[in-house]
PDB file of N, CA and C in Angstrom:
ATOM      1  N   UNK A   1      45.969-130.457-230.541  1.00  0.00           N
ATOM      2  CA  UNK A   1      46.558-129.551-229.466  1.00  0.00           C
ATOM      3  C   UNK A   1      47.818-128.861-229.955  1.00  0.00           C
ATOM      4  N   UNK A   2      48.607-129.630-230.590  1.00  0.00           N
ATOM      5  CA  UNK A   2      49.894-129.084-231.122  1.00  0.00           C
ATOM      6  C   UNK A   2      49.689-127.869-232.024  1.00  0.00           C
ATOM      7  N   UNK A   3      48.726-127.985-232.935  1.00  0.00           N
ATOM      8  CA  UNK A   3      48.438-126.841-233.858  1.00  0.00           C
ATOM      9  C   UNK A   3      47.880-125.679-233.074  1.00  0.00           C
ATOM     10  N   UNK A   4      47.099-125.928-232.043  1.00  0.00           N
ATOM     11  CA  UNK A   4      46.552-124.779-231.247  1.00  0.00           C
ATOM     12  C   UNK A   4      47.682-124.038-230.578  1.00  0.00           C
ATOM     13  N   UNK A   5      48.668-124.803-230.010  1.00  0.00           N
ATOM     14  CA  UNK A   5      49.794-124.185-229.394  1.00  0.00           C
ATOM     15  C   UNK A   5      50.590-123.273-230.433  1.00  0.00           C
ATOM     16  N   UNK A   6      50.794-123.847-231.576  1.00  0.00           N
ATOM     17  CA  UNK A   6      51.509-123.107-232.603  1.00  0.00           C
ATOM     18  C   UNK A   6      50.759-121.806-232.940  1.00  0.00           C
ATOM     19  N   UNK A   7      49.456-121.889-232.996  1.00  0.00           N
ATOM     20  CA  UNK A   7      48.629-120.708-233.344  1.00  0.00           C
ATOM     21  C   UNK A   7      48.697-119.694-232.240  1.00  0.00           C
ATOM     22  N   UNK A   8      48.761-120.104-230.980  1.00  0.00           N
ATOM     23  CA  UNK A   8      48.828-119.204-229.861  1.00  0.00           C
ATOM     24  C   UNK A   8      50.162-118.509-229.862  1.00  0.00           C
ATOM     25  N   UNK A   9      51.167-119.256-230.042  1.00  0.00           N
ATOM     26  CA  UNK A   9      52.577-118.713-230.050  1.00  0.00           C
ATOM     27  C   UNK A   9      52.718-117.662-231.273  1.00  0.00           C
ATOM     28  N   UNK A  10      52.181-118.012-232.406  1.00  0.00           N
ATOM     29  CA  UNK A  10      52.188-117.170-233.577  1.00  0.00           C
ATOM     30  C   UNK A  10      51.428-115.809-233.301  1.00  0.00           C
ATOM     31  N   UNK A  11      50.321-116.024-232.718  1.00  0.00           N
ATOM     32  CA  UNK A  11      49.414-114.796-232.444  1.00  0.00           C
ATOM     33  C   UNK A  11      50.070-113.917-231.439  1.00  0.00           C
ATOM     34  N   UNK A  12      50.639-114.492-230.358  1.00  0.00           N
ATOM     35  CA  UNK A  12      51.253-113.717-229.336  1.00  0.00           C
ATOM     36  C   UNK A  12      52.547-112.932-229.782  1.00  0.00           C
ATOM     37  N   UNK A  13      53.212-113.469-230.732  1.00  0.00           N
ATOM     38  CA  UNK A  13      54.401-112.878-231.187  1.00  0.00           C
ATOM     39  C   UNK A  13      54.364-112.291-232.632  1.00  0.00           C
ATOM     40  N   UNK A  14      53.132-112.168-233.110  1.00  0.00           N
ATOM     41  CA  UNK A  14      52.841-111.604-234.471  1.00  0.00           C
ATOM     42  C   UNK A  14      53.706-112.285-235.546  1.00  0.00           C
ATOM     43  N   UNK A  15      53.617-113.666-235.581  1.00  0.00           N
ATOM     44  CA  UNK A  15      54.342-114.368-236.570  1.00  0.00           C
ATOM     45  C   UNK A  15      53.403-115.240-237.416  1.00  0.00           C
ATOM     46  N   UNK A  16      53.961-115.776-238.474  1.00  0.00           N
ATOM     47  CA  UNK A  16      53.211-116.742-239.264  1.00  0.00           C
ATOM     48  C   UNK A  16      53.319-118.083-238.589  1.00  0.00           C
ATOM     49  N   UNK A  17      52.197-118.833-238.528  1.00  0.00           N
ATOM     50  CA  UNK A  17      52.215-120.156-237.830  1.00  0.00           C
ATOM     51  C   UNK A  17      53.190-121.072-238.463  1.00  0.00           C
ATOM     52  N   UNK A  18      53.356-121.029-239.765  1.00  0.00           N
ATOM     53  CA  UNK A  18      54.256-121.975-240.427  1.00  0.00           C
ATOM     54  C   UNK A  18      55.729-121.654-240.153  1.00  0.00           C
ATOM     55  N   UNK A  19      56.028-120.551-239.468  1.00  0.00           N
ATOM     56  CA  UNK A  19      57.419-120.265-239.121  1.00  0.00           C
ATOM     57  C   UNK A  19      57.779-120.821-237.794  1.00  0.00           C
ATOM     58  N   UNK A  20      56.856-121.503-237.081  1.00  0.00           N
ATOM     59  CA  UNK A  20      57.039-122.102-235.781  1.00  0.00           C
ATOM     60  C   UNK A  20      57.086-123.593-235.880  1.00  0.00           C
ATOM     61  N   UNK A  21      58.042-124.196-235.072  1.00  0.00           N
ATOM     62  CA  UNK A  21      58.103-125.602-234.970  1.00  0.00           C
ATOM     63  C   UNK A  21      58.288-125.978-233.549  1.00  0.00           C
ATOM     64  N   UNK A  22      58.410-127.293-233.231  1.00  0.00           N
ATOM     65  CA  UNK A  22      58.551-127.694-231.883  1.00  0.00           C
ATOM     66  C   UNK A  22      59.750-127.199-231.126  1.00  0.00           C
ATOM     67  N   UNK A  23      60.800-126.888-231.896  1.00  0.00           N
ATOM     68  CA  UNK A  23      62.070-126.455-231.303  1.00  0.00           C
ATOM     69  C   UNK A  23      62.125-124.903-231.131  1.00  0.00           C
ATOM     70  N   UNK A  24      61.128-124.198-231.624  1.00  0.00           N
ATOM     71  CA  UNK A  24      61.092-122.735-231.518  1.00  0.00           C
ATOM     72  C   UNK A  24      61.069-122.343-230.071  1.00  0.00           C
ATOM     73  N   UNK A  25      61.921-121.395-229.708  1.00  0.00           N
ATOM     74  CA  UNK A  25      62.001-120.943-228.348  1.00  0.00           C
ATOM     75  C   UNK A  25      62.320-119.481-228.232  1.00  0.00           C
ATOM     76  N   UNK A  26      62.604-118.949-227.042  1.00  0.00           N
ATOM     77  CA  UNK A  26      62.884-117.536-226.869  1.00  0.00           C
ATOM     78  C   UNK A  26      64.098-117.042-227.702  1.00  0.00           C
ATOM     79  N   UNK A  27      65.091-117.843-227.907  1.00  0.00           N
ATOM     80  CA  UNK A  27      66.207-117.362-228.747  1.00  0.00           C
ATOM     81  C   UNK A  27      65.915-117.162-230.220  1.00  0.00           C
ATOM     82  N   UNK A  28      64.762-117.758-230.657  1.00  0.00           N
ATOM     83  CA  UNK A  28      64.388-117.591-232.009  1.00  0.00           C
ATOM     84  C   UNK A  28      63.360-116.454-232.272  1.00  0.00           C
ATOM     85  N   UNK A  29      62.771-115.939-231.202  1.00  0.00           N
ATOM     86  CA  UNK A  29      61.738-114.928-231.306  1.00  0.00           C
ATOM     87  C   UNK A  29      62.147-113.743-230.454  1.00  0.00           C
ATOM     88  N   UNK A  30      62.570-112.642-231.163  1.00  0.00           N
ATOM     89  CA  UNK A  30      62.929-111.411-230.400  1.00  0.00           C
ATOM     90  C   UNK A  30      61.921-110.931-229.342  1.00  0.00           C
ATOM     91  N   UNK A  31      60.643-111.014-229.627  1.00  0.00           N
ATOM     92  CA  UNK A  31      59.606-110.529-228.759  1.00  0.00           C
ATOM     93  C   UNK A  31      59.398-111.465-227.520  1.00  0.00           C
ATOM     94  N   UNK A  32      59.989-112.723-227.551  1.00  0.00           N
ATOM     95  CA  UNK A  32      59.881-113.689-226.478  1.00  0.00           C
ATOM     96  C   UNK A  32      60.819-113.273-225.358  1.00  0.00           C
ATOM     97  N   UNK A  33      60.556-112.172-224.725  1.00  0.00           N
ATOM     98  CA  UNK A  33      61.343-111.767-223.553  1.00  0.00           C
ATOM     99  C   UNK A  33      60.495-112.068-222.293  1.00  0.00           C
ATOM    100  N   UNK A  34      60.891-111.522-221.146  1.00  0.00           N
ATOM    101  CA  UNK A  34      60.186-111.940-219.902  1.00  0.00           C
ATOM    102  C   UNK A  34      58.713-111.565-219.957  1.00  0.00           C
ATOM    103  N   UNK A  35      58.364-110.401-220.407  1.00  0.00           N
ATOM    104  CA  UNK A  35      56.991-109.984-220.596  1.00  0.00           C
ATOM    105  C   UNK A  35      56.290-110.848-221.631  1.00  0.00           C
ATOM    106  N   UNK A  36      56.893-111.065-222.760  1.00  0.00           N
ATOM    107  CA  UNK A  36      56.293-111.893-223.743  1.00  0.00           C
ATOM    108  C   UNK A  36      56.076-113.351-223.223  1.00  0.00           C
ATOM    109  N   UNK A  37      56.986-113.806-222.349  1.00  0.00           N
ATOM    110  CA  UNK A  37      56.896-115.105-221.772  1.00  0.00           C
ATOM    111  C   UNK A  37      55.593-115.213-220.908  1.00  0.00           C
ATOM    112  N   UNK A  38      55.330-114.229-220.093  1.00  0.00           N
ATOM    113  CA  UNK A  38      54.212-114.210-219.191  1.00  0.00           C
ATOM    114  C   UNK A  38      52.898-114.053-219.989  1.00  0.00           C
ATOM    115  N   UNK A  39      52.963-113.267-221.011  1.00  0.00           N
ATOM    116  CA  UNK A  39      51.754-113.081-221.901  1.00  0.00           C
ATOM    117  C   UNK A  39      51.409-114.392-222.573  1.00  0.00           C
ATOM    118  N   UNK A  40      52.458-115.114-223.065  1.00  0.00           N
ATOM    119  CA  UNK A  40      52.270-116.489-223.735  1.00  0.00           C
ATOM    120  C   UNK A  40      51.672-117.387-222.696  1.00  0.00           C
ATOM    121  N   UNK A  41      52.288-117.466-221.552  1.00  0.00           N
ATOM    122  CA  UNK A  41      51.772-118.428-220.485  1.00  0.00           C
ATOM    123  C   UNK A  41      50.251-118.126-220.266  1.00  0.00           C
ATOM    124  N   UNK A  42      49.905-116.854-220.066  1.00  0.00           N
ATOM    125  CA  UNK A  42      48.556-116.445-219.815  1.00  0.00           C
ATOM    126  C   UNK A  42      47.617-116.899-220.965  1.00  0.00           C
ATOM    127  N   UNK A  43      48.074-116.704-222.119  1.00  0.00           N
ATOM    128  CA  UNK A  43      47.246-117.085-223.347  1.00  0.00           C
ATOM    129  C   UNK A  43      47.027-118.590-223.399  1.00  0.00           C
ATOM    130  N   UNK A  44      48.105-119.343-223.062  1.00  0.00           N
ATOM    131  CA  UNK A  44      47.991-120.813-223.054  1.00  0.00           C
ATOM    132  C   UNK A  44      47.019-121.229-221.909  1.00  0.00           C
ATOM    133  N   UNK A  45      47.098-120.646-220.742  1.00  0.00           N
ATOM    134  CA  UNK A  45      46.220-120.953-219.649  1.00  0.00           C
ATOM    135  C   UNK A  45      44.753-120.721-220.044  1.00  0.00           C
ATOM    136  N   UNK A  46      44.546-119.556-220.590  1.00  0.00           N
ATOM    137  CA  UNK A  46      43.102-119.216-220.960  1.00  0.00           C
ATOM    138  C   UNK A  46      42.539-120.126-222.100  1.00  0.00           C
ATOM    139  N   UNK A  47      43.411-120.408-223.085  1.00  0.00           N
ATOM    140  CA  UNK A  47      42.963-121.245-224.261  1.00  0.00           C
ATOM    141  C   UNK A  47      42.688-122.694-223.850  1.00  0.00           C
ATOM    142  N   UNK A  48      43.441-123.246-222.835  1.00  0.00           N
ATOM    143  CA  UNK A  48      43.312-124.627-222.472  1.00  0.00           C
ATOM    144  C   UNK A  48      42.578-124.782-221.117  1.00  0.00           C
ATOM    145  N   UNK A  49      42.187-123.645-220.492  1.00  0.00           N
ATOM    146  CA  UNK A  49      41.577-123.607-219.229  1.00  0.00           C
ATOM    147  C   UNK A  49      42.334-124.400-218.143  1.00  0.00           C
ATOM    148  N   UNK A  50      43.611-124.135-218.131  1.00  0.00           N
ATOM    149  CA  UNK A  50      44.481-124.736-217.118  1.00  0.00           C
ATOM    150  C   UNK A  50      45.289-123.629-216.400  1.00  0.00           C
ATOM    151  N   UNK A  51      46.025-123.996-215.383  1.00  0.00           N
ATOM    152  CA  UNK A  51      46.833-123.053-214.698  1.00  0.00           C
ATOM    153  C   UNK A  51      48.222-123.651-214.475  1.00  0.00           C
ATOM    154  N   UNK A  52      49.253-122.917-214.973  1.00  0.00           N
ATOM    155  CA  UNK A  52      50.614-123.309-214.786  1.00  0.00           C
ATOM    156  C   UNK A  52      51.035-123.102-213.363  1.00  0.00           C
ATOM    157  N   UNK A  53      51.761-124.103-212.807  1.00  0.00           N
ATOM    158  CA  UNK A  53      52.362-123.942-211.493  1.00  0.00           C
ATOM    159  C   UNK A  53      53.589-123.006-211.665  1.00  0.00           C
ATOM    160  N   UNK A  54      54.045-122.402-210.598  1.00  0.00           N
ATOM    161  CA  UNK A  54      55.204-121.493-210.660  1.00  0.00           C
ATOM    162  C   UNK A  54      56.347-122.109-211.340  1.00  0.00           C
ATOM    163  N   UNK A  55      56.728-123.357-210.924  1.00  0.00           N
ATOM    164  CA  UNK A  55      57.931-124.081-211.474  1.00  0.00           C
ATOM    165  C   UNK A  55      57.760-124.351-212.982  1.00  0.00           C
ATOM    166  N   UNK A  56      56.520-124.620-213.399  1.00  0.00           N
ATOM    167  CA  UNK A  56      56.259-124.945-214.814  1.00  0.00           C
ATOM    168  C   UNK A  56      56.581-123.764-215.673  1.00  0.00           C
ATOM    169  N   UNK A  57      56.368-122.582-215.204  1.00  0.00           N
ATOM    170  CA  UNK A  57      56.645-121.398-216.009  1.00  0.00           C
ATOM    171  C   UNK A  57      58.090-121.335-216.460  1.00  0.00           C
ATOM    172  N   UNK A  58      58.970-121.917-215.585  1.00  0.00           N
ATOM    173  CA  UNK A  58      60.369-121.908-215.895  1.00  0.00           C
ATOM    174  C   UNK A  58      60.791-123.108-216.861  1.00  0.00           C
ATOM    175  N   UNK A  59      59.889-124.058-216.920  1.00  0.00           N
ATOM    176  CA  UNK A  59      60.124-125.195-217.780  1.00  0.00           C
ATOM    177  C   UNK A  59      59.923-124.863-219.246  1.00  0.00           C
ATOM    178  N   UNK A  60      59.230-123.774-219.458  1.00  0.00           N
ATOM    179  CA  UNK A  60      58.878-123.378-220.861  1.00  0.00           C
ATOM    180  C   UNK A  60      60.122-122.827-221.485  1.00  0.00           C
ATOM    181  N   UNK A  61      60.736-123.618-222.401  1.00  0.00           N
ATOM    182  CA  UNK A  61      61.958-123.176-223.088  1.00  0.00           C
ATOM    183  C   UNK A  61      61.842-123.340-224.553  1.00  0.00           C
ATOM    184  N   UNK A  62      60.648-123.948-224.991  1.00  0.00           N
ATOM    185  CA  UNK A  62      60.370-124.152-226.393  1.00  0.00           C
ATOM    186  C   UNK A  62      58.904-124.436-226.526  1.00  0.00           C
ATOM    187  N   UNK A  63      58.480-124.463-227.804  1.00  0.00           N
ATOM    188  CA  UNK A  63      57.116-124.803-228.035  1.00  0.00           C
ATOM    189  C   UNK A  63      56.827-126.227-227.606  1.00  0.00           C
ATOM    190  N   UNK A  64      57.824-127.132-227.839  1.00  0.00           N
ATOM    191  CA  UNK A  64      57.663-128.588-227.362  1.00  0.00           C
ATOM    192  C   UNK A  64      57.485-128.647-225.819  1.00  0.00           C
ATOM    193  N   UNK A  65      58.184-127.810-225.104  1.00  0.00           N
ATOM    194  CA  UNK A  65      58.083-127.855-223.640  1.00  0.00           C
ATOM    195  C   UNK A  65      56.609-127.493-223.273  1.00  0.00           C
ATOM    196  N   UNK A  66      56.035-126.512-223.933  1.00  0.00           N
ATOM    197  CA  UNK A  66      54.650-126.138-223.653  1.00  0.00           C
ATOM    198  C   UNK A  66      53.669-127.355-223.928  1.00  0.00           C
ATOM    199  N   UNK A  67      53.919-128.039-225.024  1.00  0.00           N
ATOM    200  CA  UNK A  67      53.130-129.185-225.365  1.00  0.00           C
ATOM    201  C   UNK A  67      53.257-130.292-224.262  1.00  0.00           C
ATOM    202  N   UNK A  68      54.502-130.527-223.890  1.00  0.00           N
ATOM    203  CA  UNK A  68      54.829-131.510-222.873  1.00  0.00           C
ATOM    204  C   UNK A  68      54.130-131.239-221.518  1.00  0.00           C
ATOM    205  N   UNK A  69      54.126-129.964-221.090  1.00  0.00           N
ATOM    206  CA  UNK A  69      53.452-129.584-219.864  1.00  0.00           C
ATOM    207  C   UNK A  69      51.897-129.753-220.028  1.00  0.00           C
ATOM    208  N   UNK A  70      51.387-129.386-221.189  1.00  0.00           N
ATOM    209  CA  UNK A  70      49.906-129.526-221.381  1.00  0.00           C
ATOM    210  C   UNK A  70      49.603-130.974-221.336  1.00  0.00           C
ATOM    211  N   UNK A  71      50.343-131.825-221.998  1.00  0.00           N
ATOM    212  CA  UNK A  71      50.033-133.311-221.980  1.00  0.00           C
ATOM    213  C   UNK A  71      50.076-133.841-220.561  1.00  0.00           C
ATOM    214  N   UNK A  72      51.051-133.377-219.806  1.00  0.00           N
ATOM    215  CA  UNK A  72      51.134-133.827-218.365  1.00  0.00           C
ATOM    216  C   UNK A  72      49.914-133.370-217.584  1.00  0.00           C
ATOM    217  N   UNK A  73      49.490-132.152-217.764  1.00  0.00           N
ATOM    218  CA  UNK A  73      48.333-131.547-217.025  1.00  0.00           C
ATOM    219  C   UNK A  73      47.065-132.336-217.470  1.00  0.00           C
ATOM    220  N   UNK A  74      46.892-132.653-218.752  1.00  0.00           N
ATOM    221  CA  UNK A  74      45.720-133.324-219.231  1.00  0.00           C
ATOM    222  C   UNK A  74      45.613-134.718-218.611  1.00  0.00           C
ATOM    223  N   UNK A  75      46.795-135.386-218.507  1.00  0.00           N
ATOM    224  CA  UNK A  75      46.839-136.751-217.939  1.00  0.00           C
ATOM    225  C   UNK A  75      46.450-136.692-216.489  1.00  0.00           C
ATOM    226  N   UNK A  76      46.790-135.614-215.781  1.00  0.00           N
ATOM    227  CA  UNK A  76      46.566-135.511-214.352  1.00  0.00           C
ATOM    228  C   UNK A  76      45.041-135.313-214.057  1.00  0.00           C
ATOM    229  N   UNK A  77      44.311-134.841-215.034  1.00  0.00           N
ATOM    230  CA  UNK A  77      42.887-134.564-214.768  1.00  0.00           C
ATOM    231  C   UNK A  77      42.084-135.786-214.628  1.00  0.00           C
TER     232      UNK A  77
END
């Protein structure tokens, strides 16, 4: 799952996957603005067939936070 998240982030922001790590966040990626954030969330939702709650969208501050939310959602199923 971690690699898939890295791939999605890389694709959304036109970056090389190997330039992304768990600590990568909006301050590291110029295109990760409010619109980029919503596009990323949408891509994650489609790829993992899940839906972020409103509050969870604000929890996304890094790649690791995306992974943490996904793990939590998978455990809830």
